[in-house]
Amino acid sequence: MKRLYIITLLFALTLTACFPRRTPAPLGADAPADNVPGIVGEYGLNAEDATGERYGGSLFITAGSQPNEYNLQWLVSGDIQKGVGTLEGNLLTFTWGSIEDTDQYLTGYGAYTVTVNGELYGERYVDGVEKPGIESAYPNPK
């Protein structure tokens, strides 16, 4: 009987490992504007574009040349995009564009809110498209 229980448990665990989550992990609460965690680092990105199509990728953030300025780089769906943003309180606003010589050159702007866990979430617009995409970025452990 014990052996049947173990086999059933292993089978159930195997099945759950085969089916990925359809929704990203829940985000932490918004960081207080006067106590925002550092945002420099690498992030896993979960997103949905303006048409409802889901996509994922990576976001890399480095310090910029001015106080509260950050350089951003997205690797999404075979495209590389770069941007520059400014952090005011817990809100990171930015402009972005595809790097030169890509299949599809896009530009836009957006804003992410920083959470107490250092996650980022918000909207990212493509110039010429009325509706924004929705993105959530989760810090990758070092």
C-alpha atoms as a PDB file:
ATOM      1  CA  MET A   1       0.000   0.000   0.000  1.00  0.00           C
ATOM      2  CA  LYS A   2       2.833   2.356   0.880  1.00  0.00           C
ATOM      3  CA  ARG A   3       4.484   1.636  -2.457  1.00  0.00           C
ATOM      4  CA  LEU A   4       1.282   2.475  -4.367  1.00  0.00           C
ATOM      5  CA  TYR A   5       1.047   5.776  -2.466  1.00  0.00           C
ATOM      6  CA  ILE A   6       4.627   6.706  -3.377  1.00  0.00           C
ATOM      7  CA  ILE A   7       4.107   5.804  -7.042  1.00  0.00           C
ATOM      8  CA  THR A   8       0.903   7.866  -7.156  1.00  0.00           C
ATOM      9  CA  LEU A   9       2.634  10.817  -5.507  1.00  0.00           C
ATOM     10  CA  LEU A  10       5.569  10.660  -7.936  1.00  0.00           C
ATOM     11  CA  PHE A  11       3.173  10.446 -10.880  1.00  0.00           C
ATOM     12  CA  ALA A  12       1.249  13.513  -9.667  1.00  0.00           C
ATOM     13  CA  LEU A  13       4.464  15.501  -9.157  1.00  0.00           C
ATOM     14  CA  THR A  14       5.661  14.532 -12.629  1.00  0.00           C
ATOM     15  CA  LEU A  15       2.416  15.712 -14.205  1.00  0.00           C
ATOM     16  CA  THR A  16       2.475  19.058 -12.429  1.00  0.00           C
ATOM     17  CA  ALA A  17       6.075  19.614 -13.539  1.00  0.00           C
ATOM     18  CA  CYS A  18       5.050  19.019 -17.157  1.00  0.00           C
ATOM     19  CA  PHE A  19       2.423  21.758 -17.215  1.00  0.00           C
ATOM     20  CA  PRO A  20       3.829  25.275 -16.740  1.00  0.00           C
ATOM     21  CA  ARG A  21       1.999  27.971 -14.840  1.00  0.00           C
ATOM     22  CA  ARG A  22      -0.246  30.045 -17.029  1.00  0.00           C
ATOM     23  CA  THR A  23       0.054  33.121 -14.835  1.00  0.00           C
ATOM     24  CA  PRO A  24       3.140  34.756 -13.366  1.00  0.00           C
ATOM     25  CA  ALA A  25       3.859  34.675  -9.653  1.00  0.00           C
ATOM     26  CA  PRO A  26       2.055  37.314  -7.581  1.00  0.00           C
ATOM     27  CA  LEU A  27       3.853  40.614  -7.131  1.00  0.00           C
ATOM     28  CA  GLY A  28       4.793  42.209  -3.824  1.00  0.00           C
ATOM     29  CA  ALA A  29       3.214  45.422  -2.579  1.00  0.00           C
ATOM     30  CA  ASP A  30       4.326  48.715  -4.107  1.00  0.00           C
ATOM     31  CA  ALA A  31       7.524  49.991  -2.478  1.00  0.00           C
ATOM     32  CA  PRO A  32       7.136  53.156  -0.405  1.00  0.00           C
ATOM     33  CA  ALA A  33       8.417  56.110  -2.443  1.00  0.00           C
ATOM     34  CA  ASP A  34      11.043  56.864   0.215  1.00  0.00           C
ATOM     35  CA  ASN A  35      12.287  53.266   0.592  1.00  0.00           C
ATOM     36  CA  VAL A  36      12.681  51.726  -2.869  1.00  0.00           C
ATOM     37  CA  PRO A  37      14.956  48.674  -3.214  1.00  0.00           C
ATOM     38  CA  GLY A  38      17.823  48.828  -5.707  1.00  0.00           C
ATOM     39  CA  ILE A  39      16.792  47.932  -9.243  1.00  0.00           C
ATOM     40  CA  VAL A  40      20.158  47.255 -10.905  1.00  0.00           C
ATOM     41  CA  GLY A  41      20.254  43.628 -12.036  1.00  0.00           C
ATOM     42  CA  GLU A  42      18.781  40.942 -14.269  1.00  0.00           C
ATOM     43  CA  TYR A  43      15.072  40.149 -14.469  1.00  0.00           C
ATOM     44  CA  GLY A  44      12.833  37.487 -15.952  1.00  0.00           C
ATOM     45  CA  LEU A  45      10.046  39.150 -17.945  1.00  0.00           C
ATOM     46  CA  ASN A  46       6.421  38.011 -18.290  1.00  0.00           C
ATOM     47  CA  ALA A  47       4.281  40.143 -20.553  1.00  0.00           C
ATOM     48  CA  GLU A  48       1.268  40.546 -22.773  1.00  0.00           C
ATOM     49  CA  ASP A  49       1.316  42.823 -25.809  1.00  0.00           C
ATOM     50  CA  ALA A  50      -1.466  45.148 -26.955  1.00  0.00           C
ATOM     51  CA  THR A  51      -3.128  42.324 -28.920  1.00  0.00           C
ATOM     52  CA  GLY A  52      -3.222  39.983 -25.917  1.00  0.00           C
ATOM     53  CA  GLU A  53      -0.316  37.827 -27.128  1.00  0.00           C
ATOM     54  CA  ARG A  54       1.855  36.609 -24.257  1.00  0.00           C
ATOM     55  CA  TYR A  55       5.624  36.722 -24.420  1.00  0.00           C
ATOM     56  CA  GLY A  56       8.617  36.397 -22.147  1.00  0.00           C
ATOM     57  CA  GLY A  57      12.207  37.422 -22.078  1.00  0.00           C
ATOM     58  CA  SER A  58      14.866  39.100 -20.016  1.00  0.00           C
ATOM     59  CA  LEU A  59      15.390  42.641 -18.771  1.00  0.00           C
ATOM     60  CA  PHE A  60      18.800  43.967 -17.732  1.00  0.00           C
ATOM     61  CA  ILE A  61      19.128  47.210 -15.768  1.00  0.00           C
ATOM     62  CA  THR A  62      22.381  49.078 -15.138  1.00  0.00           C
ATOM     63  CA  ALA A  63      23.091  52.429 -13.509  1.00  0.00           C
ATOM     64  CA  GLY A  64      23.081  55.420 -15.845  1.00  0.00           C
ATOM     65  CA  SER A  65      25.436  58.383 -15.966  1.00  0.00           C
ATOM     66  CA  GLN A  66      23.195  60.659 -13.854  1.00  0.00           C
ATOM     67  CA  PRO A  67      21.636  60.157 -10.398  1.00  0.00           C
ATOM     68  CA  ASN A  68      18.405  58.104 -10.598  1.00  0.00           C
ATOM     69  CA  GLU A  69      19.090  57.335 -14.288  1.00  0.00           C
ATOM     70  CA  TYR A  70      19.123  53.730 -15.524  1.00  0.00           C
ATOM     71  CA  ASN A  71      19.976  51.945 -18.752  1.00  0.00           C
ATOM     72  CA  LEU A  72      17.563  49.173 -19.710  1.00  0.00           C
ATOM     73  CA  GLN A  73      17.941  46.341 -22.192  1.00  0.00           C
ATOM     74  CA  TRP A  74      15.180  43.889 -23.131  1.00  0.00           C
ATOM     75  CA  LEU A  75      15.739  40.572 -24.900  1.00  0.00           C
ATOM     76  CA  VAL A  76      12.287  39.554 -26.116  1.00  0.00           C
ATOM     77  CA  SER A  77      11.072  37.331 -28.920  1.00  0.00           C
ATOM     78  CA  GLY A  78      14.351  37.449 -30.804  1.00  0.00           C
ATOM     79  CA  ASP A  79      14.574  41.249 -30.586  1.00  0.00           C
ATOM     80  CA  ILE A  80      16.956  43.410 -28.573  1.00  0.00           C
ATOM     81  CA  GLN A  81      15.648  46.721 -27.298  1.00  0.00           C
ATOM     82  CA  LYS A  82      17.448  49.412 -25.312  1.00  0.00           C
ATOM     83  CA  GLY A  83      16.153  52.275 -23.247  1.00  0.00           C
ATOM     84  CA  VAL A  84      16.917  54.926 -20.672  1.00  0.00           C
ATOM     85  CA  GLY A  85      14.792  55.580 -17.616  1.00  0.00           C
ATOM     86  CA  THR A  86      14.516  57.793 -14.569  1.00  0.00           C
ATOM     87  CA  LEU A  87      13.458  56.560 -11.136  1.00  0.00           C
ATOM     88  CA  GLU A  88      11.346  59.015  -9.124  1.00  0.00           C
ATOM     89  CA  GLY A  89      10.050  57.513  -5.896  1.00  0.00           C
ATOM     90  CA  ASN A  90       8.925  54.015  -6.849  1.00  0.00           C
ATOM     91  CA  LEU A  91       8.134  54.873 -10.498  1.00  0.00           C
ATOM     92  CA  LEU A  92      10.622  54.138 -13.293  1.00  0.00           C
ATOM     93  CA  THR A  93       9.654  55.985 -16.489  1.00  0.00           C
ATOM     94  CA  PHE A  94      11.540  55.233 -19.693  1.00  0.00           C
ATOM     95  CA  THR A  95      11.821  55.522 -23.450  1.00  0.00           C
ATOM     96  CA  TRP A  96      13.023  52.603 -25.546  1.00  0.00           C
ATOM     97  CA  GLY A  97      13.845  51.486 -29.070  1.00  0.00           C
ATOM     98  CA  SER A  98      14.967  48.419 -30.980  1.00  0.00           C
ATOM     99  CA  ILE A  99      18.647  48.288 -31.727  1.00  0.00           C
ATOM    100  CA  GLU A 100      19.685  49.073 -35.290  1.00  0.00           C
ATOM    101  CA  ASP A 101      19.690  46.310 -37.912  1.00  0.00           C
ATOM    102  CA  THR A 102      16.832  44.327 -36.391  1.00  0.00           C
ATOM    103  CA  ASP A 103      13.979  42.835 -38.415  1.00  0.00           C
ATOM    104  CA  GLN A 104      11.487  45.261 -36.943  1.00  0.00           C
ATOM    105  CA  TYR A 105      12.583  48.671 -35.657  1.00  0.00           C
ATOM    106  CA  LEU A 106      10.206  49.799 -32.904  1.00  0.00           C
ATOM    107  CA  THR A 107      10.266  52.666 -30.411  1.00  0.00           C
ATOM    108  CA  GLY A 108       8.120  53.610 -27.453  1.00  0.00           C
ATOM    109  CA  TYR A 109       7.861  54.570 -23.823  1.00  0.00           C
ATOM    110  CA  GLY A 110       6.570  53.158 -20.559  1.00  0.00           C
ATOM    111  CA  ALA A 111       6.539  53.143 -16.791  1.00  0.00           C
ATOM    112  CA  TYR A 112       7.186  50.452 -14.196  1.00  0.00           C
ATOM    113  CA  THR A 113       6.293  50.548 -10.512  1.00  0.00           C
ATOM    114  CA  VAL A 114       8.883  49.018  -8.157  1.00  0.00           C
ATOM    115  CA  THR A 115       7.611  46.640  -5.444  1.00  0.00           C
ATOM    116  CA  VAL A 116       9.014  45.963  -1.966  1.00  0.00           C
ATOM    117  CA  ASN A 117      10.518  42.738  -3.395  1.00  0.00           C
ATOM    118  CA  GLY A 118      12.330  44.615  -6.170  1.00  0.00           C
ATOM    119  CA  GLU A 119       9.925  43.433  -8.871  1.00  0.00           C
ATOM    120  CA  LEU A 120       8.808  45.786 -11.618  1.00  0.00           C
ATOM    121  CA  TYR A 121       5.417  45.993 -13.264  1.00  0.00           C
ATOM    122  CA  GLY A 122       3.658  48.391 -15.565  1.00  0.00           C
ATOM    123  CA  GLU A 123       2.809  49.365 -19.090  1.00  0.00           C
ATOM    124  CA  ARG A 124       5.015  49.636 -22.146  1.00  0.00           C
ATOM    125  CA  TYR A 125       3.772  51.434 -25.247  1.00  0.00           C
ATOM    126  CA  VAL A 126       4.872  51.005 -28.849  1.00  0.00           C
ATOM    127  CA  ASP A 127       4.796  54.305 -30.739  1.00  0.00           C
ATOM    128  CA  GLY A 128       1.797  54.316 -33.095  1.00  0.00           C
ATOM    129  CA  VAL A 129      -0.131  51.678 -31.101  1.00  0.00           C
ATOM    130  CA  GLU A 130      -2.912  53.032 -28.889  1.00  0.00           C
ATOM    131  CA  LYS A 131      -3.112  50.247 -26.319  1.00  0.00           C
ATOM    132  CA  PRO A 132      -0.126  49.391 -24.068  1.00  0.00           C
ATOM    133  CA  GLY A 133       1.458  46.060 -23.343  1.00  0.00           C
ATOM    134  CA  ILE A 134       1.535  44.903 -19.720  1.00  0.00           C
ATOM    135  CA  GLU A 135       4.839  43.676 -18.264  1.00  0.00           C
ATOM    136  CA  SER A 136       6.025  42.164 -14.982  1.00  0.00           C
ATOM    137  CA  ALA A 137       9.732  41.691 -14.274  1.00  0.00           C
ATOM    138  CA  TYR A 138      11.039  39.402 -11.514  1.00  0.00           C
ATOM    139  CA  PRO A 139      14.625  39.711 -10.195  1.00  0.00           C
ATOM    140  CA  ASN A 140      16.851  36.766 -11.053  1.00  0.00           C
ATOM    141  CA  PRO A 141      18.802  35.591  -8.014  1.00  0.00           C
ATOM    142  CA  LYS A 142      22.555  36.082  -8.210  1.00  0.00           C
END
